[in-house]
Amino acid sequence: MSAETEIERESMPCDVVIVGGGPAGLSAAIRLKQLNEELEVVVLEKGSEIGAHILSGAVVDPKALDELLPEWRTMDCPMAEVPVTDNWHWQLSKGGKTSLPHAFMPPLMSNKGCYTGSLGNLTRWLAEQAEALGVMVFPGFPAAEVMLGEDGAVTGVITQDMGVAADGSHKGDFQPGMAIEAKYTLLAEGARGNLTKQMKARFDLEANCEPQVYGLGIKELWDIDPAKHVPGRVIHTQGWPLSESDTWGGGFLYHQAGGQVALGFVTALDYKNPYVSPFHEFQRWKQHPEIRAILEGGKRVAYGARAINEGGWQSVPQLAFPGGALIGCAAGFVNVPRIKGSHTAMKSGMLAAESVAAAIAAGREHDAVMEYDAALRESWIATELKLVKNAQPAVAKFGGEIGTVLAGADMWMRSLKIGLPITMKHHRDYEELQRADLHQPIEYPAPDGKISFDRLTSVSYSFTNHAEDQPNHLKVADMELQRVSELGVFAGPSTRYCPAGVYEWLIEDGKEPKFQINAQNCVHCKTCDIKDPNQNITWTTPEGGGGPNYPNM
């Protein structure tokens, strides 16, 4: 948000600019055009194409899609291809499993009527619907900076400069970013977005809510033996292997279209042991006999990772600010027990669009559209998230086994409208990390190259690409603090929490340890921004079109 005096920029006026081409951003764009086809709506997406940076399980509740585009099932929407037909929940031990009966689970945990498929492909389809309505969709253009008016209100964004060398000089193909001037700016960056972080701080949007907490989701796509493929089968697991390190989270395995399974593992980022490696826990999970039996004879075809909001209802911030609003995972509407957030993200985008369209029709601009905030807090998003608001903090506080029982009891009571008037609190993930001297290092097994793999090989399956000669987008504020504390006190957890091998401590005899950042490996998961114990690392947007290129995630 620095003053722009050195670079001449072209400007582009519009009514609404939406930062992020995911389900929330595109739903907002579509709804705006449905309400007023004359509105000029721009969607900026940092990935090389729509869907390139989208990663989710995904089992999608179609509730919001039914409201947005009621005929979607007959409109060649890829999500319509595989309805959920079979639903399992396993409690894993090291060598076995216990199937948890669905009769014991609250009705809200049902996947009846849901669909499983690629969320990336759903967003590509949503982009087609948006463009058909006249929305201007620009992939490869990250929003790098927020523009502010003289009164402090947001007036739009500036896209990332292209062709800047690592030393900050301008290369021969330098192109300055464009100033997108808008009456309202909707931030749909997903979890832990850079501009969202800035706006939360600038306008104190989290003053009256609990801090947001996160999980790290790591995912692979596999082509499996056709004899083992059951289209629509959904499996969720909890327990082993995280139970061995006093950590919690769980796995998923979804039988999707084309003979593929989407499988993944979520590790809650409030873990205490700095030697925990979410990537290696995922590799261990795949070696469980029940999971390995499904994968054997198959072939991995894609890999990726992404941070997930897990704070729930009590972590929802103020949603509107002067000139803009937060939608989707930028605000955080994930239903953690259901492992679903796409439907709530889409609905939030639609609600924001309705309030913004009405404000523009009334001649307003650059003010805080608090009608959106109020509408969302009266919507079915609020109803759904309030039912599960104590599930995540119960497990975080009491552990996987006892916490799950307490969470289930709380959800049942709330479903029966006899819930206790208690809202449990959160603790910031980085504050939970403990000193290394309180823990023993974890020896993870070597990958076998068939079911489990190393990190760098895995990153190649994310099809990540960044221009090498560009400024490092991972900013370390104080290198000495990193050496003394992150390495000296916490034993370098960045070398383990990053699922892409971005961070290394190079230690040679007689030399100061060197913190090496392999930014070209970054899959934009944001874990470093969340889990660094000193909040000394900030994730910012790299050059447009960089990062992963997820094919079917």
Protein backbone atom coordinates (compact mmCIF):
# COMPACT_ATOMS: atom_id res chain seq x y z
CA MET A 1 0.00 0.00 0.00
CA SER A 2 2.90 2.29 -0.66
CA ALA A 3 2.46 5.44 -2.67
CA GLU A 4 2.91 4.83 -6.36
CA THR A 5 5.16 7.59 -7.69
CA GLU A 6 7.81 5.80 -9.73
CA ILE A 7 5.82 3.58 -12.07
CA GLU A 8 3.21 4.83 -14.49
CA ARG A 9 0.26 2.48 -14.47
CA GLU A 10 -2.70 2.10 -16.72
CA SER A 11 -5.99 2.21 -14.88
CA MET A 12 -9.17 0.26 -15.52
CA PRO A 13 -12.41 1.38 -13.88
CA CYS A 14 -15.14 -1.10 -13.04
CA ASP A 15 -18.01 -1.52 -10.62
CA VAL A 16 -16.71 -4.51 -8.69
CA VAL A 17 -13.31 -6.19 -8.67
CA ILE A 18 -13.10 -9.67 -7.18
CA VAL A 19 -9.70 -10.96 -6.04
CA GLY A 20 -9.68 -14.72 -6.52
CA GLY A 21 -11.25 -16.98 -9.11
CA GLY A 22 -12.40 -19.75 -6.78
CA PRO A 23 -15.95 -20.86 -5.93
CA ALA A 24 -16.70 -17.80 -3.77
CA GLY A 25 -15.34 -15.22 -6.21
CA LEU A 26 -17.01 -16.71 -9.26
CA SER A 27 -20.32 -17.18 -7.44
CA ALA A 28 -20.22 -13.51 -6.47
CA ALA A 29 -19.47 -12.52 -10.06
CA ILE A 30 -22.31 -14.62 -11.46
CA ARG A 31 -24.80 -13.31 -8.92
CA LEU A 32 -23.82 -9.69 -9.62
CA LYS A 33 -24.52 -10.18 -13.33
CA GLN A 34 -27.76 -12.04 -12.63
CA LEU A 35 -28.93 -9.06 -10.60
CA ASN A 36 -27.73 -6.35 -12.99
CA GLU A 37 -26.26 -7.29 -16.34
CA GLU A 38 -24.98 -3.73 -16.78
CA LEU A 39 -22.50 -4.01 -13.91
CA GLU A 40 -18.86 -4.17 -14.93
CA VAL A 41 -17.36 -7.05 -12.95
CA VAL A 42 -13.69 -8.09 -13.00
CA VAL A 43 -12.28 -11.31 -11.53
CA LEU A 44 -8.52 -11.50 -10.95
CA GLU A 45 -6.92 -14.94 -10.52
CA LYS A 46 -3.23 -15.43 -9.66
CA GLY A 47 -3.04 -18.93 -11.19
CA SER A 48 -2.10 -19.52 -14.81
CA GLU A 49 -5.73 -20.47 -15.48
CA ILE A 50 -8.93 -20.70 -13.49
CA GLY A 51 -8.64 -23.81 -11.33
CA ALA A 52 -4.84 -23.98 -11.45
CA HIS A 53 -4.55 -23.19 -7.72
CA ILE A 54 -7.77 -24.87 -6.56
CA LEU A 55 -7.29 -27.86 -4.31
CA SER A 56 -9.96 -29.59 -2.26
CA GLY A 57 -11.19 -33.10 -1.47
CA ALA A 58 -13.92 -32.59 -2.63
CA VAL A 59 -17.34 -33.76 -1.52
CA VAL A 60 -19.66 -30.88 -2.37
CA ASP A 61 -23.00 -30.09 -0.80
CA PRO A 62 -24.98 -28.67 -3.76
CA LYS A 63 -27.12 -26.34 -1.64
CA ALA A 64 -25.51 -23.10 -2.86
CA LEU A 65 -25.14 -24.33 -6.43
CA ASP A 66 -28.85 -25.11 -6.48
CA GLU A 67 -29.56 -21.50 -5.50
CA LEU A 68 -27.07 -19.95 -7.92
CA LEU A 69 -27.72 -22.03 -11.04
CA PRO A 70 -30.73 -24.30 -10.41
CA GLU A 71 -30.31 -26.20 -13.70
CA TRP A 72 -26.62 -27.01 -13.14
CA ARG A 73 -27.14 -30.78 -13.29
CA THR A 74 -28.27 -30.49 -16.90
CA MET A 75 -25.66 -27.89 -17.91
CA ASP A 76 -22.66 -30.22 -18.37
CA CYS A 77 -21.34 -29.33 -14.92
CA PRO A 78 -18.55 -31.80 -14.12
CA MET A 79 -19.61 -32.02 -10.46
CA ALA A 80 -22.88 -33.70 -11.49
CA GLU A 81 -21.07 -36.78 -12.77
CA VAL A 82 -20.57 -38.67 -9.50
CA PRO A 83 -23.12 -38.48 -6.67
CA VAL A 84 -22.04 -39.89 -3.31
CA THR A 85 -23.33 -43.46 -3.04
CA ASP A 86 -21.39 -45.01 -0.18
CA ASN A 87 -20.18 -43.36 3.04
CA TRP A 88 -17.63 -44.77 5.51
CA HIS A 89 -15.90 -43.40 8.60
CA TRP A 90 -12.97 -45.35 10.01
CA GLN A 91 -11.14 -45.03 13.30
CA LEU A 92 -7.63 -46.29 12.48
CA SER A 93 -5.16 -48.03 14.73
CA LYS A 94 -1.67 -48.88 13.51
CA GLY A 95 -2.73 -52.11 11.85
CA GLY A 96 -6.52 -52.10 11.80
CA LYS A 97 -9.70 -50.10 11.72
CA THR A 98 -13.06 -49.72 13.41
CA SER A 99 -15.98 -48.56 11.31
CA LEU A 100 -18.01 -45.91 13.11
CA PRO A 101 -21.77 -46.44 12.55
CA HIS A 102 -23.48 -43.50 10.93
CA ALA A 103 -26.42 -43.97 13.26
CA PHE A 104 -24.20 -42.56 16.00
CA MET A 105 -23.48 -39.40 14.03
CA PRO A 106 -25.63 -36.27 13.96
CA PRO A 107 -27.78 -35.88 10.80
CA LEU A 108 -25.64 -32.94 9.67
CA MET A 109 -22.77 -35.39 9.05
CA SER A 110 -24.64 -37.17 6.28
CA ASN A 111 -23.36 -36.93 2.71
CA LYS A 112 -26.74 -37.82 1.23
CA GLY A 113 -27.37 -35.71 -1.87
CA CYS A 114 -23.72 -34.63 -2.15
CA TYR A 115 -21.35 -35.07 -5.09
CA THR A 116 -17.66 -35.91 -5.29
CA GLY A 117 -15.32 -34.56 -7.92
CA SER A 118 -12.69 -31.97 -8.79
CA LEU A 119 -13.32 -28.55 -7.27
CA GLY A 120 -10.83 -27.17 -9.80
CA ASN A 121 -12.99 -28.42 -12.64
CA LEU A 122 -16.09 -27.00 -10.97
CA THR A 123 -14.44 -23.56 -10.84
CA ARG A 124 -13.45 -23.83 -14.51
CA TRP A 125 -17.09 -24.51 -15.31
CA LEU A 126 -18.24 -21.62 -13.09
CA ALA A 127 -15.82 -19.34 -14.95
CA GLU A 128 -17.47 -20.32 -18.22
CA GLN A 129 -20.87 -19.41 -16.79
CA ALA A 130 -19.50 -16.09 -15.52
CA GLU A 131 -17.89 -15.17 -18.82
CA ALA A 132 -21.10 -16.04 -20.67
CA LEU A 133 -22.80 -13.39 -18.53
CA GLY A 134 -20.15 -10.80 -19.40
CA VAL A 135 -17.83 -11.07 -16.40
CA MET A 136 -14.22 -10.17 -17.28
CA VAL A 137 -12.06 -13.03 -15.94
CA PHE A 138 -8.28 -12.47 -15.92
CA PRO A 139 -6.13 -15.47 -14.92
CA GLY A 140 -2.43 -14.89 -14.36
CA PHE A 141 -3.02 -11.51 -12.70
CA PRO A 142 -2.44 -11.54 -8.92
CA ALA A 143 -3.71 -8.58 -6.95
CA ALA A 144 -0.51 -7.43 -5.24
CA GLU A 145 -1.61 -4.24 -3.52
CA VAL A 146 -4.74 -2.55 -2.24
CA MET A 147 -5.45 1.03 -3.31
CA LEU A 148 -6.76 3.44 -0.71
CA GLY A 149 -8.58 6.72 -1.14
CA GLU A 150 -7.85 9.89 0.80
CA ASP A 151 -10.47 8.88 3.37
CA GLY A 152 -8.78 5.49 3.87
CA ALA A 153 -11.41 3.48 2.03
CA VAL A 154 -10.42 0.75 -0.43
CA THR A 155 -10.79 1.95 -4.02
CA GLY A 156 -9.47 -1.08 -5.89
CA VAL A 157 -6.29 -3.09 -6.34
CA ILE A 158 -3.03 -3.03 -8.27
CA THR A 159 -2.01 -6.20 -10.08
CA GLN A 160 1.48 -7.65 -9.76
CA ASP A 161 4.28 -6.16 -11.85
CA MET A 162 5.67 -8.62 -14.40
CA GLY A 163 9.29 -8.90 -15.50
CA VAL A 164 11.00 -7.86 -12.26
CA ALA A 165 14.40 -9.47 -11.62
CA ALA A 166 15.43 -11.01 -8.30
CA ASP A 167 17.47 -7.89 -7.48
CA GLY A 168 14.44 -5.66 -8.08
CA SER A 169 15.58 -4.31 -11.45
CA HIS A 170 13.28 -4.28 -14.44
CA LYS A 171 13.97 -6.89 -17.11
CA GLY A 172 13.45 -6.27 -20.80
CA ASP A 173 9.94 -7.70 -20.68
CA PHE A 174 8.88 -5.59 -17.68
CA GLN A 175 5.20 -4.77 -17.55
CA PRO A 176 3.81 -2.65 -14.71
CA GLY A 177 0.74 -3.89 -12.94
CA MET A 178 -2.59 -2.28 -13.71
CA ALA A 179 -4.68 -0.22 -11.29
CA ILE A 180 -8.16 -1.75 -11.19
CA GLU A 181 -10.40 0.97 -9.79
CA ALA A 182 -13.68 -0.26 -8.35
CA LYS A 183 -16.65 0.94 -6.37
CA TYR A 184 -16.30 -2.22 -4.26
CA THR A 185 -13.53 -4.80 -3.87
CA LEU A 186 -14.36 -8.36 -2.82
CA LEU A 187 -11.47 -10.39 -1.42
CA ALA A 188 -11.90 -14.07 -2.28
CA GLU A 189 -8.26 -15.08 -1.88
CA GLY A 190 -8.88 -18.29 0.03
CA ALA A 191 -7.31 -19.19 3.36
CA ARG A 192 -4.65 -16.79 4.68
CA GLY A 193 -4.61 -14.47 1.68
CA ASN A 194 -2.00 -11.71 1.72
CA LEU A 195 -4.37 -8.80 1.08
CA THR A 196 -6.94 -10.28 3.44
CA LYS A 197 -4.32 -10.30 6.21
CA GLN A 198 -3.61 -6.64 5.56
CA MET A 199 -7.27 -5.62 5.57
CA LYS A 200 -7.97 -7.58 8.76
CA ALA A 201 -5.18 -5.65 10.46
CA ARG A 202 -5.94 -2.24 8.93
CA PHE A 203 -9.64 -2.29 9.82
CA ASP A 204 -9.32 -4.46 12.96
CA LEU A 205 -11.80 -6.95 11.52
CA GLU A 206 -10.95 -9.62 14.10
CA ALA A 207 -11.54 -7.41 17.14
CA ASN A 208 -14.69 -9.29 18.17
CA CYS A 209 -13.95 -12.87 17.13
CA GLU A 210 -11.64 -15.72 18.03
CA PRO A 211 -8.39 -16.04 16.04
CA GLN A 212 -8.55 -18.14 12.90
CA VAL A 213 -6.89 -21.56 13.16
CA TYR A 214 -5.87 -23.85 10.32
CA GLY A 215 -5.13 -27.32 9.10
CA LEU A 216 -2.74 -28.32 6.34
CA GLY A 217 -4.40 -30.45 3.69
CA ILE A 218 -2.13 -32.54 1.45
CA LYS A 219 -3.73 -34.33 -1.48
CA GLU A 220 -2.91 -36.77 -4.25
CA LEU A 221 -4.85 -38.11 -7.23
CA TRP A 222 -4.42 -41.75 -8.15
CA ASP A 223 -5.55 -43.87 -11.08
CA ILE A 224 -6.41 -47.14 -9.36
CA ASP A 225 -7.16 -50.69 -10.41
CA PRO A 226 -10.66 -50.58 -12.00
CA ALA A 227 -11.65 -53.65 -9.95
CA LYS A 228 -11.18 -51.58 -6.79
CA HIS A 229 -12.99 -48.47 -7.98
CA VAL A 230 -16.46 -47.80 -6.57
CA PRO A 231 -17.75 -44.49 -8.02
CA GLY A 232 -19.24 -42.32 -5.30
CA ARG A 233 -17.64 -44.12 -2.35
CA VAL A 234 -16.49 -41.70 0.35
CA ILE A 235 -14.11 -42.73 3.15
CA HIS A 236 -12.97 -40.57 6.06
CA THR A 237 -10.47 -41.68 8.70
CA GLN A 238 -9.20 -40.44 12.04
CA GLY A 239 -6.78 -41.72 14.66
CA TRP A 240 -3.51 -43.27 13.45
CA PRO A 241 -0.85 -42.09 12.62
CA LEU A 242 -1.34 -38.66 14.24
CA SER A 243 -2.41 -40.30 17.48
CA GLU A 244 1.24 -41.30 18.00
CA SER A 245 2.46 -37.68 18.18
CA ASP A 246 -0.42 -36.18 20.18
CA THR A 247 -1.56 -34.42 17.01
CA TRP A 248 -4.97 -34.59 15.39
CA GLY A 249 -6.51 -34.51 11.94
CA GLY A 250 -7.60 -37.21 9.54
CA GLY A 251 -7.60 -38.69 6.07
CA PHE A 252 -10.02 -38.92 3.18
CA LEU A 253 -10.34 -41.12 0.11
CA TYR A 254 -13.00 -40.35 -2.50
CA HIS A 255 -13.79 -42.55 -5.52
CA GLN A 256 -14.36 -40.03 -8.31
CA ALA A 257 -14.88 -40.04 -12.07
CA GLY A 258 -12.53 -41.64 -14.58
CA GLY A 259 -11.35 -44.47 -12.34
CA GLN A 260 -9.58 -42.05 -10.01
CA VAL A 261 -9.48 -41.64 -6.26
CA ALA A 262 -8.73 -38.36 -4.55
CA LEU A 263 -6.98 -39.03 -1.28
CA GLY A 264 -5.50 -36.73 1.25
CA PHE A 265 -4.61 -35.98 4.80
CA VAL A 266 -5.29 -32.98 7.03
CA THR A 267 -3.03 -32.16 9.97
CA ALA A 268 -4.27 -29.53 12.40
CA LEU A 269 -1.60 -26.83 12.59
CA ASP A 270 -1.92 -26.37 16.35
CA TYR A 271 0.44 -29.30 16.92
CA LYS A 272 2.99 -28.86 19.71
CA ASN A 273 5.87 -31.10 18.65
CA PRO A 274 8.18 -29.18 16.28
CA TYR A 275 9.44 -32.48 14.85
CA VAL A 276 6.03 -33.33 13.35
CA SER A 277 6.05 -33.39 9.54
CA PRO A 278 2.54 -33.31 8.02
CA PHE A 279 3.94 -34.54 4.69
CA HIS A 280 5.52 -37.60 6.27
CA GLU A 281 2.42 -38.31 8.37
CA PHE A 282 0.48 -38.42 5.09
CA GLN A 283 2.99 -40.86 3.63
CA ARG A 284 2.66 -43.07 6.74
CA TRP A 285 -1.15 -42.95 6.49
CA LYS A 286 -1.02 -44.27 2.93
CA GLN A 287 0.89 -47.30 4.21
CA HIS A 288 -1.95 -48.32 6.53
CA PRO A 289 -3.13 -51.76 5.34
CA GLU A 290 -6.66 -50.53 4.55
CA ILE A 291 -5.43 -47.56 2.49
CA ARG A 292 -2.54 -49.38 0.85
CA ALA A 293 -4.91 -52.15 -0.31
CA ILE A 294 -6.86 -49.58 -2.34
CA LEU A 295 -3.78 -47.95 -3.86
CA GLU A 296 -1.68 -51.01 -4.72
CA GLY A 297 -1.55 -51.55 -8.45
CA GLY A 298 -2.44 -47.91 -9.06
CA LYS A 299 -0.45 -44.87 -10.13
CA ARG A 300 -0.17 -41.41 -8.59
CA VAL A 301 -0.91 -38.64 -11.12
CA ALA A 302 -1.03 -35.40 -9.08
CA TYR A 303 0.02 -33.87 -5.75
CA GLY A 304 -0.72 -30.62 -3.93
CA ALA A 305 -1.24 -28.91 -0.59
CA ARG A 306 -3.32 -26.10 0.88
CA ALA A 307 -4.07 -24.54 4.24
CA ILE A 308 -7.68 -24.92 5.43
CA ASN A 309 -9.63 -22.62 7.76
CA GLU A 310 -10.71 -24.56 10.85
CA GLY A 311 -11.85 -21.81 13.21
CA GLY A 312 -15.56 -22.14 12.50
CA TRP A 313 -18.27 -19.71 13.50
CA GLN A 314 -16.47 -18.04 16.39
CA SER A 315 -13.57 -17.10 14.08
CA VAL A 316 -15.68 -15.32 11.46
CA PRO A 317 -14.43 -11.70 11.43
CA GLN A 318 -16.32 -8.54 10.57
CA LEU A 319 -16.95 -9.13 6.89
CA ALA A 320 -17.35 -5.62 5.46
CA PHE A 321 -14.94 -2.71 5.53
CA PRO A 322 -14.88 0.66 3.74
CA GLY A 323 -14.84 -0.17 0.03
CA GLY A 324 -14.81 -3.93 0.28
CA ALA A 325 -15.66 -7.24 1.92
CA LEU A 326 -14.31 -10.71 2.66
CA ILE A 327 -15.97 -13.73 1.06
CA GLY A 328 -15.31 -17.46 1.04
CA CYS A 329 -12.27 -18.84 2.79
CA ALA A 330 -10.81 -15.34 3.05
CA ALA A 331 -13.32 -15.03 5.89
CA GLY A 332 -13.48 -18.71 6.87
CA PHE A 333 -16.72 -20.69 6.56
CA VAL A 334 -15.44 -24.28 6.59
CA ASN A 335 -17.61 -26.80 8.42
CA VAL A 336 -14.77 -28.80 9.98
CA PRO A 337 -16.62 -31.99 11.02
CA ARG A 338 -18.22 -32.26 7.56
CA ILE A 339 -14.93 -31.33 5.86
CA LYS A 340 -16.90 -29.02 3.59
CA GLY A 341 -16.63 -25.35 2.79
CA SER A 342 -17.36 -24.91 -0.90
CA HIS A 343 -21.11 -24.50 -0.43
CA THR A 344 -20.73 -21.95 2.35
CA ALA A 345 -18.04 -20.10 0.39
CA MET A 346 -20.31 -19.87 -2.64
CA LYS A 347 -23.25 -18.68 -0.56
CA SER A 348 -21.13 -15.97 1.07
CA GLY A 349 -20.15 -14.71 -2.37
CA MET A 350 -23.79 -14.63 -3.42
CA LEU A 351 -24.83 -12.74 -0.29
CA ALA A 352 -22.04 -10.20 -0.78
CA ALA A 353 -23.06 -9.74 -4.41
CA GLU A 354 -26.67 -9.07 -3.45
CA SER A 355 -25.69 -6.41 -0.92
CA VAL A 356 -23.12 -4.78 -3.22
CA ALA A 357 -25.51 -4.71 -6.19
CA ALA A 358 -28.13 -3.00 -4.03
CA ALA A 359 -25.59 -0.48 -2.75
CA ILE A 360 -24.45 0.41 -6.28
CA ALA A 361 -28.07 0.73 -7.39
CA ALA A 362 -28.55 3.22 -4.55
CA GLY A 363 -25.61 5.30 -5.80
CA ARG A 364 -23.21 4.23 -3.08
CA GLU A 365 -19.51 3.36 -3.42
CA HIS A 366 -16.43 2.84 -1.26
CA ASP A 367 -18.43 2.45 1.95
CA ALA A 368 -18.78 -0.56 4.25
CA VAL A 369 -21.67 -2.70 3.05
CA MET A 370 -22.66 -3.92 6.49
CA GLU A 371 -25.90 -5.30 5.04
CA TYR A 372 -23.81 -8.21 3.78
CA ASP A 373 -22.40 -8.90 7.23
CA ALA A 374 -25.90 -8.84 8.72
CA ALA A 375 -27.38 -11.03 5.97
CA LEU A 376 -24.71 -13.67 6.36
CA ARG A 377 -25.21 -13.84 10.12
CA GLU A 378 -28.91 -14.56 9.51
CA SER A 379 -28.29 -17.08 6.69
CA TRP A 380 -28.12 -20.85 6.61
CA ILE A 381 -24.32 -20.49 6.76
CA ALA A 382 -24.69 -19.26 10.35
CA THR A 383 -27.25 -21.94 11.19
CA GLU A 384 -24.95 -24.70 9.92
CA LEU A 385 -21.72 -23.43 11.46
CA LYS A 386 -23.27 -22.77 14.88
CA LEU A 387 -24.20 -26.47 15.12
CA VAL A 388 -20.52 -27.45 14.90
CA LYS A 389 -18.81 -24.48 16.53
CA ASN A 390 -17.35 -26.47 19.43
CA ALA A 391 -16.22 -29.52 17.45
CA GLN A 392 -12.75 -28.29 16.45
CA PRO A 393 -11.84 -26.69 19.79
CA ALA A 394 -13.10 -29.76 21.71
CA VAL A 395 -10.73 -32.04 19.82
CA ALA A 396 -7.93 -29.48 20.04
CA LYS A 397 -8.34 -29.20 23.82
CA PHE A 398 -9.11 -32.80 24.84
CA GLY A 399 -7.39 -34.83 22.11
CA GLY A 400 -8.60 -37.08 19.33
CA GLU A 401 -10.47 -39.74 21.31
CA ILE A 402 -12.08 -37.82 24.18
CA GLY A 403 -12.44 -34.68 22.06
CA THR A 404 -14.29 -36.55 19.32
CA VAL A 405 -16.79 -37.95 21.83
CA LEU A 406 -17.36 -34.51 23.34
CA ALA A 407 -17.64 -32.91 19.90
CA GLY A 408 -20.18 -35.52 18.84
CA ALA A 409 -22.21 -34.99 22.00
CA ASP A 410 -22.17 -31.22 21.50
CA MET A 411 -23.26 -31.55 17.86
CA TRP A 412 -26.10 -33.93 18.81
CA MET A 413 -27.32 -31.59 21.54
CA ARG A 414 -27.25 -28.59 19.21
CA SER A 415 -29.03 -30.59 16.50
CA LEU A 416 -31.74 -31.40 19.07
CA LYS A 417 -31.84 -27.72 20.11
CA ILE A 418 -30.62 -28.44 23.64
CA GLY A 419 -27.07 -27.21 23.15
CA LEU A 420 -25.18 -25.75 26.08
CA PRO A 421 -24.65 -21.97 25.90
CA ILE A 422 -20.90 -22.43 25.55
CA THR A 423 -18.60 -21.21 22.79
CA MET A 424 -15.13 -22.65 23.13
CA LYS A 425 -12.10 -20.52 22.39
CA HIS A 426 -9.13 -20.92 20.02
CA HIS A 427 -5.40 -20.41 20.39
CA ARG A 428 -3.28 -19.23 17.47
CA ASP A 429 -1.51 -22.15 15.83
CA TYR A 430 2.00 -20.72 16.07
CA GLU A 431 1.59 -20.10 19.80
CA GLU A 432 1.03 -23.80 20.40
CA LEU A 433 4.43 -24.89 19.08
CA GLN A 434 6.76 -25.94 21.91
CA ARG A 435 10.53 -25.85 22.30
CA ALA A 436 12.42 -28.67 20.66
CA ASP A 437 14.08 -29.71 23.92
CA LEU A 438 10.68 -30.84 25.21
CA HIS A 439 10.32 -33.43 22.46
CA GLN A 440 12.15 -36.28 20.81
CA PRO A 441 12.87 -36.17 17.06
CA ILE A 442 10.56 -38.36 14.97
CA GLU A 443 12.19 -40.91 12.69
CA TYR A 444 9.95 -41.25 9.66
CA PRO A 445 10.31 -44.32 7.40
CA ALA A 446 11.97 -43.91 4.02
CA PRO A 447 9.54 -43.78 1.07
CA ASP A 448 9.13 -46.94 -0.98
CA GLY A 449 8.55 -45.09 -4.28
CA LYS A 450 5.31 -47.01 -4.86
CA ILE A 451 2.89 -45.86 -2.21
CA SER A 452 4.95 -43.30 -0.30
CA PHE A 453 7.25 -40.71 -1.88
CA ASP A 454 9.75 -37.96 -1.08
CA ARG A 455 8.80 -34.29 -1.09
CA LEU A 456 10.72 -33.08 -4.12
CA THR A 457 9.39 -35.87 -6.33
CA SER A 458 5.92 -35.03 -5.03
CA VAL A 459 6.29 -31.35 -5.89
CA SER A 460 6.98 -32.32 -9.50
CA TYR A 461 3.45 -33.78 -9.55
CA SER A 462 2.02 -30.38 -8.63
CA PHE A 463 3.41 -29.03 -11.93
CA THR A 464 4.63 -25.98 -10.06
CA ASN A 465 6.51 -23.37 -12.03
CA HIS A 466 7.89 -19.98 -11.05
CA ALA A 467 10.12 -17.73 -13.10
CA GLU A 468 13.50 -18.20 -11.41
CA ASP A 469 14.76 -14.64 -11.82
CA GLN A 470 12.10 -12.85 -9.78
CA PRO A 471 11.99 -11.42 -6.25
CA ASN A 472 11.52 -13.96 -3.48
CA HIS A 473 7.84 -13.88 -2.54
CA LEU A 474 8.54 -15.46 0.88
CA LYS A 475 9.62 -12.56 3.08
CA VAL A 476 11.69 -13.17 6.23
CA ALA A 477 11.57 -10.07 8.42
CA ASP A 478 14.56 -10.87 10.64
CA MET A 479 17.12 -13.49 9.60
CA GLU A 480 18.90 -13.33 12.96
CA LEU A 481 15.63 -14.11 14.76
CA GLN A 482 15.14 -17.01 12.39
CA ARG A 483 18.59 -18.40 13.26
CA VAL A 484 18.41 -17.86 17.02
CA SER A 485 14.78 -18.88 17.58
CA GLU A 486 13.34 -20.88 14.69
CA LEU A 487 16.49 -22.99 14.46
CA GLY A 488 18.04 -22.60 17.89
CA VAL A 489 14.93 -22.96 20.02
CA PHE A 490 12.50 -24.88 17.79
CA ALA A 491 14.99 -26.98 15.74
CA GLY A 492 13.91 -25.58 12.37
CA PRO A 493 10.26 -26.68 12.03
CA SER A 494 10.04 -24.90 8.65
CA THR A 495 12.05 -27.78 7.18
CA ARG A 496 9.24 -30.12 8.26
CA TYR A 497 5.93 -28.23 8.11
CA CYS A 498 6.43 -27.13 4.48
CA PRO A 499 4.97 -29.81 2.15
CA ALA A 500 7.13 -28.63 -0.76
CA GLY A 501 10.66 -28.56 0.66
CA VAL A 502 10.91 -24.78 0.33
CA TYR A 503 12.94 -24.23 3.49
CA GLU A 504 16.35 -25.66 4.39
CA TRP A 505 18.89 -24.95 7.10
CA LEU A 506 22.37 -25.37 5.62
CA ILE A 507 24.79 -26.08 8.45
CA GLU A 508 28.51 -26.39 7.75
CA ASP A 509 31.36 -26.65 10.23
CA GLY A 510 32.78 -23.28 11.18
CA LYS A 511 30.05 -21.33 9.39
CA GLU A 512 26.87 -19.62 10.51
CA PRO A 513 23.76 -21.66 9.64
CA LYS A 514 22.18 -20.40 6.44
CA PHE A 515 18.42 -20.29 5.93
CA GLN A 516 17.86 -21.28 2.31
CA ILE A 517 14.51 -20.53 0.68
CA ASN A 518 13.72 -22.55 -2.46
CA ALA A 519 10.85 -20.29 -3.45
CA GLN A 520 10.52 -21.94 -6.84
CA ASN A 521 9.08 -25.03 -5.08
CA CYS A 522 6.27 -23.11 -3.35
CA VAL A 523 2.77 -24.54 -3.88
CA HIS A 524 1.14 -21.51 -2.20
CA CYS A 525 -0.20 -23.47 0.78
CA LYS A 526 0.60 -20.57 3.22
CA THR A 527 1.65 -22.92 6.05
CA CYS A 528 4.84 -20.94 6.70
CA ASP A 529 2.81 -17.75 7.14
CA ILE A 530 0.67 -19.56 9.71
CA LYS A 531 3.03 -21.83 11.67
CA ASP A 532 6.33 -19.93 11.90
CA PRO A 533 6.74 -19.63 15.71
CA ASN A 534 7.75 -15.96 15.55
CA GLN A 535 5.45 -14.92 12.69
CA ASN A 536 8.67 -13.95 10.94
CA ILE A 537 7.70 -15.27 7.47
CA THR A 538 5.15 -13.54 5.27
CA TRP A 539 3.76 -15.10 2.11
CA THR A 540 3.18 -12.60 -0.71
CA THR A 541 2.07 -13.01 -4.31
CA PRO A 542 4.75 -14.08 -6.80
CA GLU A 543 4.69 -13.15 -10.47
CA GLY A 544 1.40 -13.90 -12.18
CA GLY A 545 0.79 -17.41 -13.46
CA GLY A 546 3.38 -18.92 -11.12
CA GLY A 547 2.82 -21.68 -8.62
CA PRO A 548 1.07 -25.00 -9.05
CA ASN A 549 -0.86 -26.02 -12.12
CA TYR A 550 -3.30 -28.54 -10.71
CA PRO A 551 -4.92 -30.54 -13.49
CA ASN A 552 -7.93 -32.16 -11.83
CA MET A 553 -7.72 -31.29 -8.15
